[in-house]
N, C-alpha and C. Protein backbone atom coordinates (compact mmCIF):
# COMPACT_ATOMS: atom_id res chain seq x y z
N UNK A 1 146.80 -43.15 86.46
CA UNK A 1 146.78 -42.21 85.36
C UNK A 1 146.93 -42.99 84.05
N UNK A 2 146.28 -42.51 83.03
CA UNK A 2 146.33 -43.24 81.76
C UNK A 2 147.62 -43.01 80.98
N UNK A 3 147.96 -43.99 80.17
CA UNK A 3 149.10 -43.90 79.28
C UNK A 3 148.63 -43.39 77.93
N UNK A 4 149.49 -42.61 77.28
CA UNK A 4 149.21 -42.11 75.95
C UNK A 4 150.40 -42.39 75.06
N UNK A 5 150.13 -42.63 73.78
CA UNK A 5 151.21 -42.87 72.82
C UNK A 5 151.25 -41.71 71.82
N UNK A 6 152.47 -41.29 71.48
CA UNK A 6 152.64 -40.21 70.52
C UNK A 6 152.48 -40.79 69.13
N UNK A 7 151.57 -40.22 68.34
CA UNK A 7 151.31 -40.74 67.00
C UNK A 7 151.60 -39.73 65.91
N UNK A 8 152.43 -38.74 66.21
CA UNK A 8 152.79 -37.74 65.20
C UNK A 8 153.58 -38.36 64.05
N UNK A 9 153.64 -37.67 62.90
CA UNK A 9 154.33 -38.21 61.73
C UNK A 9 155.85 -38.15 61.84
N UNK A 10 156.36 -37.37 62.77
CA UNK A 10 157.81 -37.22 62.96
C UNK A 10 158.06 -36.91 64.43
N UNK A 11 159.34 -36.85 64.85
CA UNK A 11 159.60 -36.52 66.25
C UNK A 11 158.92 -35.22 66.66
N UNK A 12 158.48 -35.17 67.89
CA UNK A 12 157.82 -33.98 68.42
C UNK A 12 158.63 -33.38 69.56
N UNK A 13 158.66 -32.06 69.64
CA UNK A 13 159.40 -31.37 70.70
C UNK A 13 158.41 -30.78 71.71
N UNK A 14 158.60 -31.17 72.96
CA UNK A 14 157.76 -30.69 74.06
C UNK A 14 158.69 -30.21 75.18
N UNK A 15 159.39 -29.09 74.96
CA UNK A 15 160.40 -28.65 75.94
C UNK A 15 159.83 -28.20 77.29
N UNK A 16 158.58 -27.79 77.34
CA UNK A 16 157.99 -27.31 78.59
C UNK A 16 156.97 -28.27 79.18
N UNK A 17 156.64 -29.35 78.48
CA UNK A 17 155.62 -30.30 78.92
C UNK A 17 156.19 -31.26 79.96
N UNK A 18 155.42 -31.51 81.00
CA UNK A 18 155.81 -32.48 82.03
C UNK A 18 154.81 -33.63 82.03
N UNK A 19 155.31 -34.84 82.28
CA UNK A 19 154.43 -36.01 82.34
C UNK A 19 153.79 -36.08 83.72
N UNK A 20 153.07 -37.16 83.99
CA UNK A 20 152.34 -37.30 85.25
C UNK A 20 153.25 -37.32 86.46
N UNK A 21 154.51 -37.74 86.30
CA UNK A 21 155.44 -37.78 87.43
C UNK A 21 156.20 -36.47 87.59
N UNK A 22 155.98 -35.51 86.68
CA UNK A 22 156.63 -34.21 86.78
C UNK A 22 157.91 -34.10 85.99
N UNK A 23 158.31 -35.14 85.27
CA UNK A 23 159.53 -35.10 84.47
C UNK A 23 159.27 -34.38 83.15
N UNK A 24 160.25 -33.59 82.70
CA UNK A 24 160.13 -32.93 81.40
C UNK A 24 160.10 -33.98 80.30
N UNK A 25 159.23 -33.78 79.33
CA UNK A 25 159.07 -34.73 78.24
C UNK A 25 160.17 -34.57 77.20
N UNK A 26 160.45 -33.34 76.76
CA UNK A 26 161.49 -33.12 75.76
C UNK A 26 161.06 -33.60 74.39
N UNK A 27 161.93 -34.32 73.69
CA UNK A 27 161.65 -34.82 72.35
C UNK A 27 161.09 -36.24 72.42
N UNK A 28 160.03 -36.47 71.66
CA UNK A 28 159.42 -37.81 71.61
C UNK A 28 159.44 -38.30 70.16
N UNK A 29 159.46 -39.60 70.02
CA UNK A 29 159.42 -40.27 68.71
C UNK A 29 158.04 -40.90 68.55
N UNK A 30 157.56 -41.05 67.30
CA UNK A 30 156.30 -41.74 67.10
C UNK A 30 156.34 -43.13 67.76
N UNK A 31 155.31 -43.44 68.53
CA UNK A 31 155.24 -44.72 69.23
C UNK A 31 155.66 -44.64 70.69
N UNK A 32 156.28 -43.52 71.11
CA UNK A 32 156.66 -43.37 72.52
C UNK A 32 155.41 -43.37 73.38
N UNK A 33 155.49 -43.96 74.56
CA UNK A 33 154.35 -44.06 75.47
C UNK A 33 154.72 -43.37 76.78
N UNK A 34 153.89 -42.41 77.19
CA UNK A 34 154.10 -41.69 78.44
C UNK A 34 152.78 -41.59 79.20
N UNK A 35 152.88 -41.24 80.46
CA UNK A 35 151.70 -41.15 81.32
C UNK A 35 151.35 -39.68 81.56
N UNK A 36 150.09 -39.33 81.29
CA UNK A 36 149.58 -37.98 81.49
C UNK A 36 148.20 -38.06 82.13
N UNK A 37 147.76 -36.93 82.72
CA UNK A 37 146.38 -36.84 83.22
C UNK A 37 145.41 -36.90 82.04
N UNK A 38 145.78 -36.21 80.95
CA UNK A 38 144.99 -36.20 79.73
C UNK A 38 145.94 -35.98 78.56
N UNK A 39 145.50 -36.28 77.35
CA UNK A 39 146.34 -36.11 76.17
C UNK A 39 146.77 -34.65 76.04
N UNK A 40 148.08 -34.38 75.89
CA UNK A 40 148.55 -33.00 75.79
C UNK A 40 148.03 -32.26 74.56
N UNK A 41 147.89 -32.96 73.43
CA UNK A 41 147.37 -32.36 72.21
C UNK A 41 146.93 -33.47 71.26
N UNK A 42 146.59 -33.10 70.03
CA UNK A 42 146.06 -34.08 69.07
C UNK A 42 147.10 -35.10 68.61
N UNK A 43 148.38 -34.88 68.92
CA UNK A 43 149.43 -35.83 68.56
C UNK A 43 149.50 -37.04 69.47
N UNK A 44 148.67 -37.08 70.50
CA UNK A 44 148.68 -38.17 71.48
C UNK A 44 147.32 -38.87 71.48
N UNK A 45 147.34 -40.18 71.63
CA UNK A 45 146.10 -40.96 71.74
C UNK A 45 146.26 -41.97 72.86
N UNK A 46 145.13 -42.43 73.43
CA UNK A 46 145.22 -43.42 74.51
C UNK A 46 146.02 -44.64 74.06
N UNK A 47 146.87 -45.11 74.94
CA UNK A 47 147.72 -46.26 74.64
C UNK A 47 146.97 -47.55 74.87
N UNK A 48 147.02 -48.42 73.87
CA UNK A 48 146.42 -49.74 73.99
C UNK A 48 147.54 -50.75 73.81
N UNK A 49 147.90 -51.48 74.86
CA UNK A 49 149.00 -52.44 74.75
C UNK A 49 148.67 -53.54 73.75
N UNK A 50 149.70 -54.09 73.11
CA UNK A 50 149.48 -55.22 72.20
C UNK A 50 148.80 -56.36 72.93
N UNK A 51 148.05 -57.16 72.20
CA UNK A 51 147.33 -58.26 72.82
C UNK A 51 148.24 -59.42 73.21
N UNK A 52 149.48 -59.47 72.69
CA UNK A 52 150.39 -60.57 73.00
C UNK A 52 151.39 -60.20 74.08
N UNK A 53 150.92 -59.56 75.16
CA UNK A 53 151.81 -59.12 76.23
C UNK A 53 152.16 -60.23 77.21
N UNK A 54 151.55 -61.38 77.08
CA UNK A 54 151.83 -62.45 78.03
C UNK A 54 151.05 -62.26 79.30
N UNK A 55 151.57 -62.76 80.40
CA UNK A 55 150.84 -62.71 81.66
C UNK A 55 151.00 -61.39 82.40
N UNK A 56 151.95 -60.53 81.97
CA UNK A 56 152.18 -59.29 82.70
C UNK A 56 151.04 -58.29 82.51
N UNK A 57 150.33 -58.35 81.37
CA UNK A 57 149.20 -57.48 81.16
C UNK A 57 149.56 -56.14 80.56
N UNK A 58 150.84 -55.76 80.56
CA UNK A 58 151.23 -54.47 80.02
C UNK A 58 152.49 -54.63 79.19
N UNK A 59 152.49 -54.05 78.03
CA UNK A 59 153.66 -54.14 77.15
C UNK A 59 154.75 -53.20 77.64
N UNK A 60 155.97 -53.48 77.25
CA UNK A 60 157.09 -52.63 77.61
C UNK A 60 156.93 -51.27 76.95
N UNK A 61 157.19 -50.23 77.69
CA UNK A 61 157.05 -48.88 77.17
C UNK A 61 158.16 -48.57 76.18
N UNK A 62 157.82 -47.75 75.19
CA UNK A 62 158.78 -47.35 74.18
C UNK A 62 159.78 -46.35 74.70
N UNK A 63 159.45 -45.64 75.75
CA UNK A 63 160.32 -44.59 76.29
C UNK A 63 159.93 -44.38 77.73
N UNK A 64 160.88 -44.13 78.58
CA UNK A 64 160.55 -43.87 79.97
C UNK A 64 160.39 -42.38 80.19
N UNK A 65 159.45 -42.03 80.99
CA UNK A 65 159.20 -40.63 81.25
C UNK A 65 160.29 -40.00 82.09
N UNK A 66 161.01 -40.78 82.85
CA UNK A 66 162.02 -40.23 83.75
C UNK A 66 163.36 -39.96 83.07
N UNK A 67 163.46 -40.21 81.79
CA UNK A 67 164.73 -39.98 81.09
C UNK A 67 165.09 -38.51 81.15
N UNK A 68 166.32 -38.21 81.52
CA UNK A 68 166.80 -36.84 81.61
C UNK A 68 167.42 -36.48 80.27
N UNK A 69 166.83 -35.51 79.53
CA UNK A 69 167.38 -35.17 78.22
C UNK A 69 168.78 -34.58 78.29
N UNK A 70 169.19 -34.07 79.45
CA UNK A 70 170.53 -33.50 79.59
C UNK A 70 171.56 -34.50 80.05
N UNK A 71 171.12 -35.70 80.41
CA UNK A 71 172.05 -36.73 80.90
C UNK A 71 172.82 -37.33 79.73
N UNK A 72 174.08 -37.73 79.97
CA UNK A 72 174.84 -38.38 78.89
C UNK A 72 174.23 -39.73 78.56
N UNK A 73 174.41 -40.20 77.33
CA UNK A 73 173.85 -41.49 76.97
C UNK A 73 174.45 -42.61 77.79
N UNK A 74 173.71 -43.70 78.00
CA UNK A 74 174.23 -44.83 78.79
C UNK A 74 175.53 -45.35 78.18
N UNK A 75 176.47 -45.69 79.05
CA UNK A 75 177.73 -46.24 78.60
C UNK A 75 178.75 -45.19 78.19
N UNK A 76 178.41 -43.89 78.31
CA UNK A 76 179.36 -42.86 77.89
C UNK A 76 180.17 -42.33 79.06
N UNK A 77 180.08 -42.97 80.22
CA UNK A 77 180.82 -42.54 81.40
C UNK A 77 182.29 -42.88 81.29
N UNK A 78 182.98 -42.84 82.41
CA UNK A 78 184.41 -43.13 82.45
C UNK A 78 184.64 -44.60 82.12
N UNK A 79 185.33 -44.89 81.00
CA UNK A 79 185.52 -46.29 80.63
C UNK A 79 186.38 -47.05 81.63
N UNK A 80 187.21 -46.35 82.41
CA UNK A 80 188.04 -47.02 83.40
C UNK A 80 187.30 -47.37 84.66
N UNK A 81 186.06 -46.86 84.80
CA UNK A 81 185.30 -47.11 86.01
C UNK A 81 184.71 -48.52 86.05
N UNK A 82 184.48 -49.10 84.91
CA UNK A 82 183.90 -50.45 84.86
C UNK A 82 184.98 -51.50 85.08
N UNK A 83 184.63 -52.54 85.82
CA UNK A 83 185.58 -53.62 86.08
C UNK A 83 185.62 -54.55 84.88
N UNK A 84 186.81 -54.96 84.49
CA UNK A 84 186.98 -55.88 83.38
C UNK A 84 187.05 -57.28 83.95
N UNK A 85 186.00 -58.09 83.72
CA UNK A 85 185.93 -59.44 84.27
C UNK A 85 186.67 -60.46 83.43
N UNK A 86 187.25 -60.05 82.31
CA UNK A 86 187.92 -61.00 81.42
C UNK A 86 189.20 -61.57 82.03
N UNK A 87 189.74 -60.94 83.07
CA UNK A 87 191.00 -61.40 83.65
C UNK A 87 190.79 -62.21 84.92
N UNK A 88 189.57 -62.56 85.25
CA UNK A 88 189.28 -63.29 86.48
C UNK A 88 190.09 -64.58 86.53
N UNK A 89 190.79 -64.80 87.61
CA UNK A 89 191.55 -66.02 87.82
C UNK A 89 192.95 -65.96 87.26
N UNK A 90 193.29 -64.93 86.50
CA UNK A 90 194.65 -64.85 85.94
C UNK A 90 195.59 -64.25 86.99
N UNK A 91 196.85 -64.51 86.83
CA UNK A 91 197.85 -63.98 87.74
C UNK A 91 197.80 -62.46 87.71
N UNK A 92 197.76 -61.84 88.87
CA UNK A 92 197.72 -60.39 88.96
C UNK A 92 196.31 -59.81 88.93
N UNK A 93 195.29 -60.61 88.80
CA UNK A 93 193.93 -60.08 88.79
C UNK A 93 193.46 -59.88 90.23
N UNK A 94 192.45 -59.03 90.38
CA UNK A 94 191.93 -58.74 91.72
C UNK A 94 191.28 -59.97 92.34
N UNK A 95 190.83 -60.90 91.54
CA UNK A 95 190.12 -62.07 92.05
C UNK A 95 191.04 -63.09 92.68
N UNK A 96 192.34 -62.99 92.48
CA UNK A 96 193.29 -63.97 93.03
C UNK A 96 193.55 -63.68 94.48
């Protein structure tokens, strides 16, 4: 399926639109790249990756289609859940 880039002048809201994988699109920013069967409207144009992509052939996408708009932002979870590696090797640390 082809990729399309949003070229609107400001953020666009697509609360009912789904991408090629079935994920809700939600709000997009100019330059976001998503995969569709065809362009949803005139605010989208075929995506052409930059010519300096290296050997991979495809540039990194500006936004992933699978992002859940209702999910909390990355890193906003329980701060106590992450292990603090700064104490490795110190007395009383789990690594001892």
